[in-house]
Amino acid sequence: MQILLVEDDRRISSFVVKGLEELGHRVILAESAEAAREWVHAESLDIVVLDIMLPGIDGIQFTKMLRYRKNYIPILILSALGEIEDKVDALESGADDYLVKPFSFKELVSRIKALVRRDSYKNIVNDTCIEIRDLKVDLDRYEVYKGGANVDLSPKEFKLLKYLIENRNKTLSRTAILQAVWGIDFDNNTNVVDVYVSYLRGKVDDRTDTSIIKTVKGVGYMLKTD
């Protein structure tokens, strides 16, 4: 794998670079988001491993910038900030996973492999352009059209829609959706899934009587296509 590590703490970066290179990976080290930005545009990368607390542009701003530019390379956040709010903020910005410092190197490698494997699987799925009624979703280009008009979705809204499509006509629990879309274990009392389904319905599903995103009472949701 070709990995971009964005980390200004040289003690941590030397440890991570050495370990990953010993496993046969190529690691590009950038000590700021400004430097990382050049590598993102110049290199074919498999994943970005990113610290939050960076000089200049921080990790959250950098993630938002990549997603705004429709760059959906997997992003693994490394941070000493371990509160649930910090994790939610990072994942809401478009990051794919979050690992709290100090961390086990084995866990770091495992999470990197999981994210790259997930991204690779996405790229070999044959059915990448889905049409449901007047809705067209291009999973490769991260584009959504309704009645021919482009629909602007946030990274998390698109990830939610993609997960519903990949599991269409199946009942999905809120817990399953939380784990697949947000990537961490939330308190079961959170209403983030309901809020985002509401956002998504407002953009792609304006017929409440024949909605394609069905509420399964007491369980979760289903994207109905048949």
C-alpha atoms as a PDB file:
ATOM      1  CA  MET A   1       0.000   0.000   0.000  1.00  0.00           C
ATOM      2  CA  GLN A   2       0.957   3.620  -0.493  1.00  0.00           C
ATOM      3  CA  ILE A   3       0.108   5.527   2.690  1.00  0.00           C
ATOM      4  CA  LEU A   4       0.182   9.260   3.357  1.00  0.00           C
ATOM      5  CA  LEU A   5       0.902   9.938   7.039  1.00  0.00           C
ATOM      6  CA  VAL A   6       0.160  13.498   8.173  1.00  0.00           C
ATOM      7  CA  GLU A   7       1.724  13.883  11.609  1.00  0.00           C
ATOM      8  CA  ASP A   8       3.874  16.665  13.127  1.00  0.00           C
ATOM      9  CA  ASP A   9       4.945  14.712  16.224  1.00  0.00           C
ATOM     10  CA  ARG A  10       8.237  13.186  15.073  1.00  0.00           C
ATOM     11  CA  ARG A  11       8.287  10.641  17.875  1.00  0.00           C
ATOM     12  CA  ILE A  12       4.980   9.179  16.688  1.00  0.00           C
ATOM     13  CA  SER A  13       5.703   9.541  12.973  1.00  0.00           C
ATOM     14  CA  SER A  14       9.073   7.775  13.168  1.00  0.00           C
ATOM     15  CA  PHE A  15       7.471   4.866  15.054  1.00  0.00           C
ATOM     16  CA  VAL A  16       4.594   4.558  12.555  1.00  0.00           C
ATOM     17  CA  VAL A  17       6.748   4.992   9.438  1.00  0.00           C
ATOM     18  CA  LYS A  18       9.294   2.427  10.612  1.00  0.00           C
ATOM     19  CA  GLY A  19       6.610  -0.138  11.457  1.00  0.00           C
ATOM     20  CA  LEU A  20       4.676   0.263   8.207  1.00  0.00           C
ATOM     21  CA  GLU A  21       7.796   0.202   6.041  1.00  0.00           C
ATOM     22  CA  GLU A  22       8.923  -3.004   7.742  1.00  0.00           C
ATOM     23  CA  LEU A  23       5.620  -4.512   6.585  1.00  0.00           C
ATOM     24  CA  GLY A  24       6.455  -3.562   3.004  1.00  0.00           C
ATOM     25  CA  HIS A  25       4.299  -0.448   2.627  1.00  0.00           C
ATOM     26  CA  ARG A  26       5.469   2.846   1.159  1.00  0.00           C
ATOM     27  CA  VAL A  27       4.865   5.710   3.586  1.00  0.00           C
ATOM     28  CA  ILE A  28       4.904   9.380   2.601  1.00  0.00           C
ATOM     29  CA  LEU A  29       5.315  11.640   5.628  1.00  0.00           C
ATOM     30  CA  ALA A  30       3.926  15.174   5.692  1.00  0.00           C
ATOM     31  CA  GLU A  31       4.218  17.309   8.822  1.00  0.00           C
ATOM     32  CA  SER A  32       1.404  19.697   7.882  1.00  0.00           C
ATOM     33  CA  ALA A  33      -1.861  19.636   5.949  1.00  0.00           C
ATOM     34  CA  GLU A  34      -0.406  22.167   3.537  1.00  0.00           C
ATOM     35  CA  ALA A  35       2.391  19.732   2.636  1.00  0.00           C
ATOM     36  CA  ALA A  36      -0.051  16.814   2.530  1.00  0.00           C
ATOM     37  CA  ARG A  37      -2.245  18.648   0.048  1.00  0.00           C
ATOM     38  CA  GLU A  38       0.547  18.528  -2.535  1.00  0.00           C
ATOM     39  CA  TRP A  39       1.010  14.775  -2.090  1.00  0.00           C
ATOM     40  CA  VAL A  40      -2.728  14.088  -2.394  1.00  0.00           C
ATOM     41  CA  HIS A  41      -2.759  15.695  -5.832  1.00  0.00           C
ATOM     42  CA  ALA A  42       0.582  14.279  -6.984  1.00  0.00           C
ATOM     43  CA  GLU A  43       0.470  10.643  -5.852  1.00  0.00           C
ATOM     44  CA  SER A  44      -1.781   7.618  -6.194  1.00  0.00           C
ATOM     45  CA  LEU A  45      -2.562   6.903  -2.553  1.00  0.00           C
ATOM     46  CA  ASP A  46      -4.429   4.074  -0.850  1.00  0.00           C
ATOM     47  CA  ILE A  47      -5.176   5.849   2.436  1.00  0.00           C
ATOM     48  CA  VAL A  48      -4.477   8.984   4.478  1.00  0.00           C
ATOM     49  CA  VAL A  49      -3.575   8.570   8.168  1.00  0.00           C
ATOM     50  CA  LEU A  50      -4.142  11.977   9.680  1.00  0.00           C
ATOM     51  CA  ASP A  51      -3.513  13.751  12.974  1.00  0.00           C
ATOM     52  CA  ILE A  52      -6.062  16.372  14.028  1.00  0.00           C
ATOM     53  CA  MET A  53      -3.874  18.843  15.897  1.00  0.00           C
ATOM     54  CA  LEU A  54      -1.606  20.109  13.117  1.00  0.00           C
ATOM     55  CA  PRO A  55       0.045  23.487  12.598  1.00  0.00           C
ATOM     56  CA  GLY A  56      -1.909  25.688  10.190  1.00  0.00           C
ATOM     57  CA  ILE A  57      -4.821  23.780   8.655  1.00  0.00           C
ATOM     58  CA  ASP A  58      -5.950  21.164  11.174  1.00  0.00           C
ATOM     59  CA  GLY A  59      -6.993  17.591  10.401  1.00  0.00           C
ATOM     60  CA  ILE A  60     -10.724  18.304  10.458  1.00  0.00           C
ATOM     61  CA  GLN A  61     -10.379  21.218   8.023  1.00  0.00           C
ATOM     62  CA  PHE A  62      -8.166  19.107   5.760  1.00  0.00           C
ATOM     63  CA  THR A  63     -10.706  16.285   5.726  1.00  0.00           C
ATOM     64  CA  LYS A  64     -13.536  18.670   4.881  1.00  0.00           C
ATOM     65  CA  MET A  65     -11.442  20.167   2.096  1.00  0.00           C
ATOM     66  CA  LEU A  66     -10.816  16.756   0.509  1.00  0.00           C
ATOM     67  CA  ARG A  67     -14.475  15.755   0.706  1.00  0.00           C
ATOM     68  CA  TYR A  68     -15.610  19.128  -0.669  1.00  0.00           C
ATOM     69  CA  ARG A  69     -13.402  18.458  -3.671  1.00  0.00           C
ATOM     70  CA  LYS A  70     -15.040  15.028  -4.115  1.00  0.00           C
ATOM     71  CA  ASN A  71     -11.902  13.175  -3.035  1.00  0.00           C
ATOM     72  CA  TYR A  72     -13.129  10.099  -1.163  1.00  0.00           C
ATOM     73  CA  ILE A  73      -9.812   8.427  -0.349  1.00  0.00           C
ATOM     74  CA  PRO A  74     -10.104   6.545   2.984  1.00  0.00           C
ATOM     75  CA  ILE A  75      -9.096   8.737   5.942  1.00  0.00           C
ATOM     76  CA  LEU A  76      -8.075   7.350   9.327  1.00  0.00           C
ATOM     77  CA  ILE A  77      -7.857   9.983  12.065  1.00  0.00           C
ATOM     78  CA  LEU A  78      -5.235   9.671  14.811  1.00  0.00           C
ATOM     79  CA  SER A  79      -5.843  11.923  17.800  1.00  0.00           C
ATOM     80  CA  ALA A  80      -5.187  12.343  21.494  1.00  0.00           C
ATOM     81  CA  LEU A  81      -8.728  13.745  21.737  1.00  0.00           C
ATOM     82  CA  GLY A  82     -10.797  10.822  22.960  1.00  0.00           C
ATOM     83  CA  GLU A  83     -14.184  12.310  23.829  1.00  0.00           C
ATOM     84  CA  ILE A  84     -17.215  11.058  21.893  1.00  0.00           C
ATOM     85  CA  GLU A  85     -17.839  14.605  20.625  1.00  0.00           C
ATOM     86  CA  ASP A  86     -14.352  14.675  19.084  1.00  0.00           C
ATOM     87  CA  LYS A  87     -14.978  11.374  17.316  1.00  0.00           C
ATOM     88  CA  VAL A  88     -18.369  12.470  16.032  1.00  0.00           C
ATOM     89  CA  ASP A  89     -16.931  15.778  14.788  1.00  0.00           C
ATOM     90  CA  ALA A  90     -14.195  13.964  12.850  1.00  0.00           C
ATOM     91  CA  LEU A  91     -16.553  11.386  11.343  1.00  0.00           C
ATOM     92  CA  GLU A  92     -19.095  14.042  10.452  1.00  0.00           C
ATOM     93  CA  SER A  93     -16.369  15.946   8.595  1.00  0.00           C
ATOM     94  CA  GLY A  94     -15.934  12.936   6.304  1.00  0.00           C
ATOM     95  CA  ALA A  95     -13.317  10.770   8.034  1.00  0.00           C
ATOM     96  CA  ASP A  96     -13.819   6.997   7.799  1.00  0.00           C
ATOM     97  CA  ASP A  97     -12.361   5.879  11.127  1.00  0.00           C
ATOM     98  CA  TYR A  98     -10.883   7.296  14.348  1.00  0.00           C
ATOM     99  CA  LEU A  99      -8.103   5.903  16.532  1.00  0.00           C
ATOM    100  CA  VAL A 100      -7.222   7.461  19.893  1.00  0.00           C
ATOM    101  CA  LYS A 101      -3.592   8.009  20.933  1.00  0.00           C
ATOM    102  CA  PRO A 102      -1.809   6.179  22.431  1.00  0.00           C
ATOM    103  CA  PHE A 103      -2.686   3.242  20.219  1.00  0.00           C
ATOM    104  CA  SER A 104      -1.518  -0.278  19.512  1.00  0.00           C
ATOM    105  CA  PHE A 105       0.471  -0.570  16.284  1.00  0.00           C
ATOM    106  CA  LYS A 106      -1.308  -3.848  15.524  1.00  0.00           C
ATOM    107  CA  GLU A 107      -4.669  -2.110  15.788  1.00  0.00           C
ATOM    108  CA  LEU A 108      -3.455   0.711  13.540  1.00  0.00           C
ATOM    109  CA  VAL A 109      -2.410  -1.783  10.864  1.00  0.00           C
ATOM    110  CA  SER A 110      -5.683  -3.677  11.207  1.00  0.00           C
ATOM    111  CA  ARG A 111      -7.761  -0.541  10.746  1.00  0.00           C
ATOM    112  CA  ILE A 112      -5.706   0.600   7.762  1.00  0.00           C
ATOM    113  CA  LYS A 113      -6.182  -2.791   6.085  1.00  0.00           C
ATOM    114  CA  ALA A 114      -9.926  -2.762   6.802  1.00  0.00           C
ATOM    115  CA  LEU A 115     -10.423   0.689   5.281  1.00  0.00           C
ATOM    116  CA  VAL A 116      -8.352  -0.062   2.185  1.00  0.00           C
ATOM    117  CA  ARG A 117     -10.092  -3.428   1.746  1.00  0.00           C
ATOM    118  CA  ARG A 118     -13.490  -1.755   2.006  1.00  0.00           C
ATOM    119  CA  ASP A 119     -12.474   0.876  -0.542  1.00  0.00           C
ATOM    120  CA  SER A 120     -11.082  -1.778  -2.917  1.00  0.00           C
ATOM    121  CA  TYR A 121     -14.293  -3.789  -2.670  1.00  0.00           C
ATOM    122  CA  LYS A 122     -16.280  -0.700  -3.528  1.00  0.00           C
ATOM    123  CA  ASN A 123     -14.248  -0.279  -6.693  1.00  0.00           C
ATOM    124  CA  ILE A 124     -14.863  -3.818  -7.978  1.00  0.00           C
ATOM    125  CA  VAL A 125     -18.628  -3.837  -7.494  1.00  0.00           C
ATOM    126  CA  ASN A 126     -20.137  -4.230 -10.961  1.00  0.00           C
ATOM    127  CA  ASP A 127     -23.484  -2.625 -10.227  1.00  0.00           C
ATOM    128  CA  THR A 128     -22.179   0.915  -9.717  1.00  0.00           C
ATOM    129  CA  CYS A 129     -24.967   2.920 -11.331  1.00  0.00           C
ATOM    130  CA  ILE A 130     -28.321   2.420  -9.647  1.00  0.00           C
ATOM    131  CA  GLU A 131     -31.673   3.769 -10.852  1.00  0.00           C
ATOM    132  CA  ILE A 132     -34.706   3.790  -8.561  1.00  0.00           C
ATOM    133  CA  ARG A 133     -37.737   5.564 -10.013  1.00  0.00           C
ATOM    134  CA  ASP A 134     -36.498   9.049 -10.919  1.00  0.00           C
ATOM    135  CA  LEU A 135     -33.394   8.680  -8.738  1.00  0.00           C
ATOM    136  CA  LYS A 136     -30.020   7.824 -10.298  1.00  0.00           C
ATOM    137  CA  VAL A 137     -26.998   7.094  -8.079  1.00  0.00           C
ATOM    138  CA  ASP A 138     -23.495   6.680  -9.482  1.00  0.00           C
ATOM    139  CA  LEU A 139     -21.536   4.914  -6.739  1.00  0.00           C
ATOM    140  CA  ASP A 140     -18.199   5.340  -8.546  1.00  0.00           C
ATOM    141  CA  ARG A 141     -18.515   9.071  -9.132  1.00  0.00           C
ATOM    142  CA  TYR A 142     -20.339   9.822  -5.872  1.00  0.00           C
ATOM    143  CA  GLU A 143     -23.067  11.570  -7.850  1.00  0.00           C
ATOM    144  CA  VAL A 144     -26.821  11.586  -7.269  1.00  0.00           C
ATOM    145  CA  TYR A 145     -29.479  12.835  -9.676  1.00  0.00           C
ATOM    146  CA  LYS A 146     -33.210  13.202  -9.120  1.00  0.00           C
ATOM    147  CA  GLY A 147     -35.347  13.812 -12.173  1.00  0.00           C
ATOM    148  CA  GLY A 148     -32.149  14.640 -14.050  1.00  0.00           C
ATOM    149  CA  ALA A 149     -31.094  17.348 -11.592  1.00  0.00           C
ATOM    150  CA  ASN A 150     -27.959  16.985  -9.487  1.00  0.00           C
ATOM    151  CA  VAL A 151     -28.571  16.412  -5.758  1.00  0.00           C
ATOM    152  CA  ASP A 152     -25.931  17.777  -3.392  1.00  0.00           C
ATOM    153  CA  LEU A 153     -25.353  15.314  -0.529  1.00  0.00           C
ATOM    154  CA  SER A 154     -22.899  15.630   2.341  1.00  0.00           C
ATOM    155  CA  PRO A 155     -20.330  12.805   2.672  1.00  0.00           C
ATOM    156  CA  LYS A 156     -22.330  11.178   5.476  1.00  0.00           C
ATOM    157  CA  GLU A 157     -25.631  11.509   3.579  1.00  0.00           C
ATOM    158  CA  PHE A 158     -24.068   9.827   0.552  1.00  0.00           C
ATOM    159  CA  LYS A 159     -22.541   7.093   2.707  1.00  0.00           C
ATOM    160  CA  LEU A 160     -25.951   6.460   4.296  1.00  0.00           C
ATOM    161  CA  LEU A 161     -27.667   6.311   0.890  1.00  0.00           C
ATOM    162  CA  LYS A 162     -24.944   3.993  -0.443  1.00  0.00           C
ATOM    163  CA  TYR A 163     -25.349   1.636   2.522  1.00  0.00           C
ATOM    164  CA  LEU A 164     -29.134   1.546   2.067  1.00  0.00           C
ATOM    165  CA  ILE A 165     -28.697   0.838  -1.653  1.00  0.00           C
ATOM    166  CA  GLU A 166     -26.149  -1.931  -1.070  1.00  0.00           C
ATOM    167  CA  ASN A 167     -28.648  -3.556   1.297  1.00  0.00           C
ATOM    168  CA  ARG A 168     -31.803  -2.629  -0.617  1.00  0.00           C
ATOM    169  CA  ASN A 169     -34.999  -4.485   0.255  1.00  0.00           C
ATOM    170  CA  LYS A 170     -33.474  -5.556   3.576  1.00  0.00           C
ATOM    171  CA  THR A 171     -34.499  -4.272   7.001  1.00  0.00           C
ATOM    172  CA  LEU A 172     -31.513  -2.537   8.628  1.00  0.00           C
ATOM    173  CA  SER A 173     -31.435  -1.829  12.338  1.00  0.00           C
ATOM    174  CA  ARG A 174     -30.355   1.566  13.610  1.00  0.00           C
ATOM    175  CA  THR A 175     -27.379  -0.110  15.292  1.00  0.00           C
ATOM    176  CA  ALA A 176     -26.237  -1.687  12.016  1.00  0.00           C
ATOM    177  CA  ILE A 177     -26.560   1.660  10.238  1.00  0.00           C
ATOM    178  CA  LEU A 178     -24.614   3.444  12.978  1.00  0.00           C
ATOM    179  CA  GLN A 179     -21.767   0.957  12.766  1.00  0.00           C
ATOM    180  CA  ALA A 180     -21.630   0.925   8.955  1.00  0.00           C
ATOM    181  CA  VAL A 181     -21.995   4.648   8.305  1.00  0.00           C
ATOM    182  CA  TRP A 182     -20.456   6.276  11.389  1.00  0.00           C
ATOM    183  CA  GLY A 183     -17.976   3.535  12.206  1.00  0.00           C
ATOM    184  CA  ILE A 184     -18.087   3.724  16.002  1.00  0.00           C
ATOM    185  CA  ASP A 185     -20.341   2.402  18.731  1.00  0.00           C
ATOM    186  CA  PHE A 186     -22.796   5.083  19.738  1.00  0.00           C
ATOM    187  CA  ASP A 187     -25.115   5.210  22.695  1.00  0.00           C
ATOM    188  CA  ASN A 188     -28.298   3.452  21.562  1.00  0.00           C
ATOM    189  CA  ASN A 189     -30.300   6.498  22.613  1.00  0.00           C
ATOM    190  CA  THR A 190     -28.774   8.679  19.880  1.00  0.00           C
ATOM    191  CA  ASN A 191     -31.135   9.876  17.149  1.00  0.00           C
ATOM    192  CA  VAL A 192     -28.409  10.601  14.582  1.00  0.00           C
ATOM    193  CA  VAL A 193     -29.706   7.899  12.215  1.00  0.00           C
ATOM    194  CA  ASP A 194     -33.255   9.277  12.296  1.00  0.00           C
ATOM    195  CA  VAL A 195     -31.973  12.813  11.737  1.00  0.00           C
ATOM    196  CA  TYR A 196     -29.890  11.806   8.726  1.00  0.00           C
ATOM    197  CA  VAL A 197     -32.634   9.671   7.222  1.00  0.00           C
ATOM    198  CA  SER A 198     -34.846  12.752   7.487  1.00  0.00           C
ATOM    199  CA  TYR A 199     -32.183  14.851   5.722  1.00  0.00           C
ATOM    200  CA  LEU A 200     -31.844  12.215   3.010  1.00  0.00           C
ATOM    201  CA  ARG A 201     -35.567  11.882   2.465  1.00  0.00           C
ATOM    202  CA  GLY A 202     -35.840  15.636   2.050  1.00  0.00           C
ATOM    203  CA  LYS A 203     -33.353  15.499  -0.815  1.00  0.00           C
ATOM    204  CA  VAL A 204     -34.077  12.229  -2.642  1.00  0.00           C
ATOM    205  CA  ASP A 205     -37.511  11.043  -1.561  1.00  0.00           C
ATOM    206  CA  ASP A 206     -40.300  13.613  -1.676  1.00  0.00           C
ATOM    207  CA  ARG A 207     -43.283  11.239  -1.872  1.00  0.00           C
ATOM    208  CA  THR A 208     -44.216  10.291   1.658  1.00  0.00           C
ATOM    209  CA  ASP A 209     -47.044   7.971   0.616  1.00  0.00           C
ATOM    210  CA  THR A 210     -44.799   5.863  -1.624  1.00  0.00           C
ATOM    211  CA  SER A 211     -41.438   6.606  -0.026  1.00  0.00           C
ATOM    212  CA  ILE A 212     -38.532   4.420  -1.121  1.00  0.00           C
ATOM    213  CA  ILE A 213     -36.942   4.779   2.328  1.00  0.00           C
ATOM    214  CA  LYS A 214     -39.354   2.899   4.557  1.00  0.00           C
ATOM    215  CA  THR A 215     -39.465   3.115   8.338  1.00  0.00           C
ATOM    216  CA  VAL A 216     -39.610  -0.335   9.907  1.00  0.00           C
ATOM    217  CA  LYS A 217     -41.298   0.387  13.214  1.00  0.00           C
ATOM    218  CA  GLY A 218     -39.246  -0.518  16.262  1.00  0.00           C
ATOM    219  CA  VAL A 219     -36.278  -1.683  14.157  1.00  0.00           C
ATOM    220  CA  GLY A 220     -34.859   0.774  11.649  1.00  0.00           C
ATOM    221  CA  TYR A 221     -35.130   1.423   7.914  1.00  0.00           C
ATOM    222  CA  MET A 222     -35.309  -0.235   4.517  1.00  0.00           C
ATOM    223  CA  LEU A 223     -34.711   1.103   1.014  1.00  0.00           C
ATOM    224  CA  LYS A 224     -37.554  -0.437  -0.972  1.00  0.00           C
ATOM    225  CA  THR A 225     -37.090  -0.943  -4.721  1.00  0.00           C
ATOM    226  CA  ASP A 226     -39.576  -3.729  -5.508  1.00  0.00           C
END
